[in-house]
Amino acid sequence: MQERIVIDPKIHSGKPIIRGTRVPVTRILGGLAGGMTTEEIMQEYEVSREDILAALNYATELLEEQPEDELMLSLFLNFLTKQALLNPDAELEAYTEAMAAEDEELMAGVELAD
């Protein structure tokens, strides 16, 4: 799946993009975090479901390289994956409340570094 993500210094200052496009991985992740469905992202940015999954996989690989940020990125990716891929038709507000409750449970007793 990683062959779908490329870094080209000539496009977006070398930020990771979806191969064959000028769409940054961060735009895909931001769209998911902002409540867009996979179908909306596919239409808006002309990418495939596999491209969206590759963007999530890329973020997961970054997570594994930076273990000190593991908890926060894990929570973020958990939200993105469930919201966009598993519950594409769910009401965002209700879903966000459920995820916030789950995140509070996971974060109980964890101190975050500044």
N, C-alpha and C. Protein backbone atom coordinates (compact mmCIF):
# COMPACT_ATOMS: atom_id res chain seq x y z
N MET A 1 0.83 -1.20 0.00
CA MET A 1 0.00 0.00 0.00
C MET A 1 0.87 1.26 0.00
N GLN A 2 2.11 1.16 0.48
CA GLN A 2 2.97 2.32 0.60
C GLN A 2 3.35 2.90 -0.77
N GLU A 3 3.24 2.11 -1.83
CA GLU A 3 3.55 2.64 -3.16
C GLU A 3 2.57 3.74 -3.57
N ARG A 4 1.50 3.91 -2.84
CA ARG A 4 0.51 4.96 -3.14
C ARG A 4 0.92 6.32 -2.57
N ILE A 5 1.85 6.34 -1.63
CA ILE A 5 2.31 7.59 -1.01
C ILE A 5 3.72 7.89 -1.50
N VAL A 6 3.93 9.09 -2.00
CA VAL A 6 5.25 9.48 -2.50
C VAL A 6 5.65 10.82 -1.92
N ILE A 7 6.95 11.06 -1.93
CA ILE A 7 7.49 12.35 -1.51
C ILE A 7 8.31 12.88 -2.67
N ASP A 8 7.89 14.01 -3.19
CA ASP A 8 8.57 14.65 -4.32
C ASP A 8 8.89 16.08 -3.90
N PRO A 9 10.19 16.42 -3.81
CA PRO A 9 10.56 17.77 -3.37
C PRO A 9 9.95 18.89 -4.21
N LYS A 10 9.53 18.57 -5.42
CA LYS A 10 8.96 19.58 -6.31
C LYS A 10 7.47 19.81 -6.07
N ILE A 11 6.85 18.95 -5.28
CA ILE A 11 5.41 19.07 -5.02
C ILE A 11 5.19 19.29 -3.53
N HIS A 12 4.52 20.36 -3.18
CA HIS A 12 4.20 20.71 -1.79
C HIS A 12 5.42 20.65 -0.88
N SER A 13 6.54 21.14 -1.38
CA SER A 13 7.79 21.22 -0.59
C SER A 13 8.21 19.86 -0.01
N GLY A 14 7.91 18.80 -0.74
CA GLY A 14 8.34 17.48 -0.31
C GLY A 14 7.47 16.81 0.73
N LYS A 15 6.28 17.35 0.95
CA LYS A 15 5.36 16.69 1.89
C LYS A 15 4.77 15.45 1.21
N PRO A 16 4.44 14.42 1.99
CA PRO A 16 3.88 13.20 1.40
C PRO A 16 2.56 13.47 0.69
N ILE A 17 2.43 12.91 -0.52
CA ILE A 17 1.22 13.09 -1.32
C ILE A 17 0.75 11.72 -1.83
N ILE A 18 -0.48 11.71 -2.34
CA ILE A 18 -1.01 10.52 -3.00
C ILE A 18 -0.40 10.46 -4.40
N ARG A 19 0.19 9.32 -4.75
CA ARG A 19 0.85 9.16 -6.06
C ARG A 19 -0.10 9.54 -7.20
N GLY A 20 0.46 10.28 -8.16
CA GLY A 20 -0.31 10.66 -9.33
C GLY A 20 -1.21 11.87 -9.11
N THR A 21 -1.12 12.47 -7.93
CA THR A 21 -1.93 13.65 -7.61
C THR A 21 -1.03 14.70 -6.96
N ARG A 22 -1.63 15.81 -6.62
CA ARG A 22 -0.96 16.82 -5.79
C ARG A 22 -1.65 16.90 -4.43
N VAL A 23 -2.35 15.83 -4.05
CA VAL A 23 -3.12 15.80 -2.81
C VAL A 23 -2.23 15.33 -1.66
N PRO A 24 -1.96 16.23 -0.69
CA PRO A 24 -1.14 15.83 0.46
C PRO A 24 -1.88 14.85 1.37
N VAL A 25 -1.11 13.96 1.97
CA VAL A 25 -1.67 13.01 2.94
C VAL A 25 -2.39 13.78 4.05
N THR A 26 -1.84 14.91 4.46
CA THR A 26 -2.46 15.69 5.53
C THR A 26 -3.85 16.18 5.15
N ARG A 27 -4.08 16.43 3.86
CA ARG A 27 -5.41 16.87 3.43
C ARG A 27 -6.42 15.73 3.59
N ILE A 28 -6.00 14.52 3.29
CA ILE A 28 -6.88 13.36 3.45
C ILE A 28 -7.20 13.16 4.94
N LEU A 29 -6.16 13.17 5.76
CA LEU A 29 -6.35 12.98 7.20
C LEU A 29 -7.18 14.11 7.80
N GLY A 30 -6.91 15.32 7.37
CA GLY A 30 -7.69 16.47 7.86
C GLY A 30 -9.14 16.38 7.46
N GLY A 31 -9.40 15.92 6.24
CA GLY A 31 -10.79 15.74 5.80
C GLY A 31 -11.52 14.72 6.66
N LEU A 32 -10.85 13.61 6.94
CA LEU A 32 -11.45 12.59 7.80
C LEU A 32 -11.70 13.14 9.20
N ALA A 33 -10.71 13.83 9.73
CA ALA A 33 -10.85 14.40 11.08
C ALA A 33 -11.94 15.45 11.12
N GLY A 34 -12.14 16.15 10.01
CA GLY A 34 -13.17 17.18 9.94
C GLY A 34 -14.57 16.66 9.69
N GLY A 35 -14.70 15.34 9.53
CA GLY A 35 -16.02 14.76 9.38
C GLY A 35 -16.42 14.36 7.97
N MET A 36 -15.52 14.54 7.00
CA MET A 36 -15.86 14.11 5.64
C MET A 36 -15.93 12.58 5.60
N THR A 37 -16.84 12.06 4.81
CA THR A 37 -16.90 10.62 4.60
C THR A 37 -15.86 10.23 3.55
N THR A 38 -15.58 8.94 3.46
CA THR A 38 -14.64 8.49 2.44
C THR A 38 -15.16 8.83 1.06
N GLU A 39 -16.47 8.72 0.87
CA GLU A 39 -17.05 9.03 -0.43
C GLU A 39 -16.85 10.51 -0.78
N GLU A 40 -17.03 11.38 0.20
CA GLU A 40 -16.82 12.82 -0.03
C GLU A 40 -15.37 13.10 -0.38
N ILE A 41 -14.45 12.47 0.32
CA ILE A 41 -13.03 12.67 0.03
C ILE A 41 -12.69 12.14 -1.35
N MET A 42 -13.22 10.98 -1.69
CA MET A 42 -12.97 10.40 -3.01
C MET A 42 -13.45 11.33 -4.12
N GLN A 43 -14.60 11.95 -3.94
CA GLN A 43 -15.14 12.86 -4.95
C GLN A 43 -14.38 14.19 -4.96
N GLU A 44 -14.14 14.74 -3.79
CA GLU A 44 -13.49 16.06 -3.69
C GLU A 44 -12.06 16.06 -4.23
N TYR A 45 -11.30 15.02 -3.91
CA TYR A 45 -9.88 14.99 -4.25
C TYR A 45 -9.53 13.99 -5.35
N GLU A 46 -10.54 13.30 -5.88
CA GLU A 46 -10.34 12.33 -6.95
C GLU A 46 -9.29 11.28 -6.57
N VAL A 47 -9.48 10.69 -5.38
CA VAL A 47 -8.63 9.61 -4.88
C VAL A 47 -9.51 8.39 -4.65
N SER A 48 -8.87 7.24 -4.47
CA SER A 48 -9.61 6.00 -4.25
C SER A 48 -9.67 5.66 -2.77
N ARG A 49 -10.52 4.71 -2.43
CA ARG A 49 -10.59 4.22 -1.05
C ARG A 49 -9.23 3.67 -0.63
N GLU A 50 -8.53 3.02 -1.56
CA GLU A 50 -7.20 2.48 -1.26
C GLU A 50 -6.21 3.61 -0.96
N ASP A 51 -6.36 4.76 -1.64
CA ASP A 51 -5.51 5.92 -1.35
C ASP A 51 -5.76 6.42 0.08
N ILE A 52 -7.01 6.45 0.48
CA ILE A 52 -7.37 6.90 1.83
C ILE A 52 -6.78 5.95 2.86
N LEU A 53 -6.91 4.65 2.61
CA LEU A 53 -6.32 3.67 3.53
C LEU A 53 -4.80 3.78 3.56
N ALA A 54 -4.20 4.08 2.42
CA ALA A 54 -2.75 4.27 2.38
C ALA A 54 -2.33 5.48 3.21
N ALA A 55 -3.12 6.55 3.17
CA ALA A 55 -2.82 7.73 3.99
C ALA A 55 -2.88 7.38 5.47
N LEU A 56 -3.88 6.61 5.87
CA LEU A 56 -3.98 6.17 7.27
C LEU A 56 -2.81 5.25 7.63
N ASN A 57 -2.44 4.37 6.72
CA ASN A 57 -1.32 3.47 6.95
C ASN A 57 -0.02 4.26 7.09
N TYR A 58 0.15 5.27 6.26
CA TYR A 58 1.34 6.12 6.32
C TYR A 58 1.44 6.79 7.69
N ALA A 59 0.33 7.32 8.16
CA ALA A 59 0.31 7.96 9.48
C ALA A 59 0.63 6.94 10.57
N THR A 60 0.15 5.72 10.42
CA THR A 60 0.43 4.66 11.39
C THR A 60 1.92 4.34 11.41
N GLU A 61 2.54 4.30 10.24
CA GLU A 61 3.98 4.04 10.17
C GLU A 61 4.77 5.15 10.86
N LEU A 62 4.32 6.40 10.70
CA LEU A 62 4.98 7.51 11.40
C LEU A 62 4.84 7.34 12.91
N LEU A 63 3.69 6.89 13.33
CA LEU A 63 3.44 6.63 14.74
C LEU A 63 4.45 5.64 15.29
N GLU A 64 4.71 4.58 14.55
CA GLU A 64 5.65 3.56 15.00
C GLU A 64 7.07 4.09 15.09
N GLU A 65 7.41 5.08 14.29
CA GLU A 65 8.75 5.67 14.30
C GLU A 65 8.94 6.66 15.44
N GLN A 66 7.85 7.17 16.01
CA GLN A 66 7.93 8.18 17.06
C GLN A 66 7.12 7.72 18.27
N PRO A 67 7.67 6.76 19.04
CA PRO A 67 6.89 6.18 20.14
C PRO A 67 6.50 7.17 21.23
N GLU A 68 7.21 8.28 21.38
CA GLU A 68 6.84 9.24 22.42
C GLU A 68 5.50 9.90 22.14
N ASP A 69 5.09 9.90 20.90
CA ASP A 69 3.80 10.48 20.52
C ASP A 69 2.75 9.39 20.28
N GLU A 70 3.07 8.17 20.65
CA GLU A 70 2.23 7.03 20.32
C GLU A 70 0.80 7.16 20.83
N LEU A 71 0.61 7.55 22.06
CA LEU A 71 -0.74 7.61 22.61
C LEU A 71 -1.62 8.60 21.86
N MET A 72 -1.13 9.82 21.65
CA MET A 72 -1.94 10.83 20.99
C MET A 72 -2.24 10.45 19.54
N LEU A 73 -1.24 9.97 18.82
CA LEU A 73 -1.48 9.57 17.44
C LEU A 73 -2.39 8.36 17.36
N SER A 74 -2.24 7.46 18.31
CA SER A 74 -3.10 6.29 18.34
C SER A 74 -4.56 6.70 18.52
N LEU A 75 -4.81 7.63 19.42
CA LEU A 75 -6.17 8.12 19.64
C LEU A 75 -6.70 8.80 18.39
N PHE A 76 -5.87 9.60 17.74
CA PHE A 76 -6.26 10.31 16.53
C PHE A 76 -6.60 9.32 15.41
N LEU A 77 -5.73 8.34 15.21
CA LEU A 77 -5.97 7.36 14.15
C LEU A 77 -7.19 6.49 14.47
N ASN A 78 -7.37 6.18 15.74
CA ASN A 78 -8.55 5.42 16.16
C ASN A 78 -9.81 6.20 15.77
N PHE A 79 -9.83 7.47 16.06
CA PHE A 79 -10.97 8.31 15.70
C PHE A 79 -11.18 8.33 14.19
N LEU A 80 -10.12 8.60 13.44
CA LEU A 80 -10.25 8.69 11.99
C LEU A 80 -10.76 7.39 11.38
N THR A 81 -10.17 6.30 11.81
CA THR A 81 -10.54 5.01 11.22
C THR A 81 -11.99 4.67 11.52
N LYS A 82 -12.39 4.79 12.76
CA LYS A 82 -13.76 4.45 13.12
C LYS A 82 -14.76 5.40 12.48
N GLN A 83 -14.47 6.69 12.54
CA GLN A 83 -15.42 7.67 12.02
C GLN A 83 -15.59 7.55 10.51
N ALA A 84 -14.49 7.46 9.79
CA ALA A 84 -14.57 7.55 8.35
C ALA A 84 -14.73 6.22 7.64
N LEU A 85 -14.14 5.17 8.16
CA LEU A 85 -14.17 3.91 7.43
C LEU A 85 -15.17 2.92 7.98
N LEU A 86 -15.39 2.93 9.28
CA LEU A 86 -16.30 1.96 9.85
C LEU A 86 -17.71 2.51 10.03
N ASN A 87 -17.83 3.82 10.20
CA ASN A 87 -19.13 4.43 10.44
C ASN A 87 -19.36 5.61 9.49
N PRO A 88 -19.28 5.41 8.18
CA PRO A 88 -19.36 6.55 7.27
C PRO A 88 -20.70 7.28 7.29
N ASP A 89 -21.76 6.61 7.75
CA ASP A 89 -23.08 7.25 7.75
C ASP A 89 -23.50 7.74 9.13
N ALA A 90 -22.63 7.56 10.13
CA ALA A 90 -22.97 7.96 11.50
C ALA A 90 -23.06 9.47 11.61
N GLU A 91 -23.92 9.94 12.50
CA GLU A 91 -24.00 11.37 12.76
C GLU A 91 -22.71 11.78 13.47
N LEU A 92 -22.01 12.78 12.93
CA LEU A 92 -20.71 13.16 13.46
C LEU A 92 -20.78 13.60 14.92
N GLU A 93 -21.79 14.37 15.28
CA GLU A 93 -21.87 14.87 16.65
C GLU A 93 -21.99 13.72 17.66
N ALA A 94 -22.89 12.80 17.39
CA ALA A 94 -23.08 11.66 18.30
C ALA A 94 -21.83 10.81 18.32
N TYR A 95 -21.21 10.62 17.18
CA TYR A 95 -20.01 9.81 17.12
C TYR A 95 -18.87 10.49 17.89
N THR A 96 -18.72 11.80 17.70
CA THR A 96 -17.66 12.53 18.39
C THR A 96 -17.82 12.42 19.89
N GLU A 97 -19.05 12.51 20.38
CA GLU A 97 -19.29 12.36 21.82
C GLU A 97 -18.87 10.98 22.31
N ALA A 98 -19.20 9.95 21.55
CA ALA A 98 -18.83 8.58 21.93
C ALA A 98 -17.32 8.41 21.93
N MET A 99 -16.65 8.97 20.92
CA MET A 99 -15.19 8.86 20.86
C MET A 99 -14.54 9.65 21.99
N ALA A 100 -15.10 10.80 22.32
CA ALA A 100 -14.54 11.60 23.42
C ALA A 100 -14.62 10.82 24.72
N ALA A 101 -15.73 10.14 24.95
CA ALA A 101 -15.86 9.33 26.16
C ALA A 101 -14.84 8.20 26.17
N GLU A 102 -14.65 7.56 25.02
CA GLU A 102 -13.66 6.48 24.92
C GLU A 102 -12.25 7.02 25.13
N ASP A 103 -11.95 8.19 24.56
CA ASP A 103 -10.63 8.79 24.73
C ASP A 103 -10.38 9.17 26.19
N GLU A 104 -11.40 9.71 26.87
CA GLU A 104 -11.25 10.04 28.29
C GLU A 104 -10.89 8.81 29.09
N GLU A 105 -11.53 7.71 28.75
CA GLU A 105 -11.26 6.45 29.44
C GLU A 105 -9.81 6.01 29.20
N LEU A 106 -9.34 6.13 27.96
CA LEU A 106 -7.96 5.75 27.63
C LEU A 106 -6.95 6.68 28.28
N MET A 107 -7.31 7.95 28.41
CA MET A 107 -6.37 8.95 28.92
C MET A 107 -6.36 9.02 30.45
N ALA A 108 -7.28 8.37 31.11
CA ALA A 108 -7.35 8.43 32.57
C ALA A 108 -6.01 8.03 33.18
N GLY A 109 -5.46 8.91 33.96
CA GLY A 109 -4.20 8.62 34.64
C GLY A 109 -2.96 8.84 33.82
N VAL A 110 -3.09 9.33 32.57
CA VAL A 110 -1.92 9.57 31.71
C VAL A 110 -1.56 11.05 31.78
N GLU A 111 -0.28 11.33 32.06
CA GLU A 111 0.18 12.71 32.08
C GLU A 111 0.83 13.01 30.74
N LEU A 112 0.42 14.12 30.12
CA LEU A 112 0.98 14.50 28.85
C LEU A 112 2.13 15.48 29.04
N ALA A 113 3.21 15.31 28.27
CA ALA A 113 4.34 16.23 28.35
C ALA A 113 4.01 17.49 27.57
N ASP A 114 4.56 18.60 28.04
CA ASP A 114 4.32 19.87 27.33
C ASP A 114 5.17 19.97 26.11
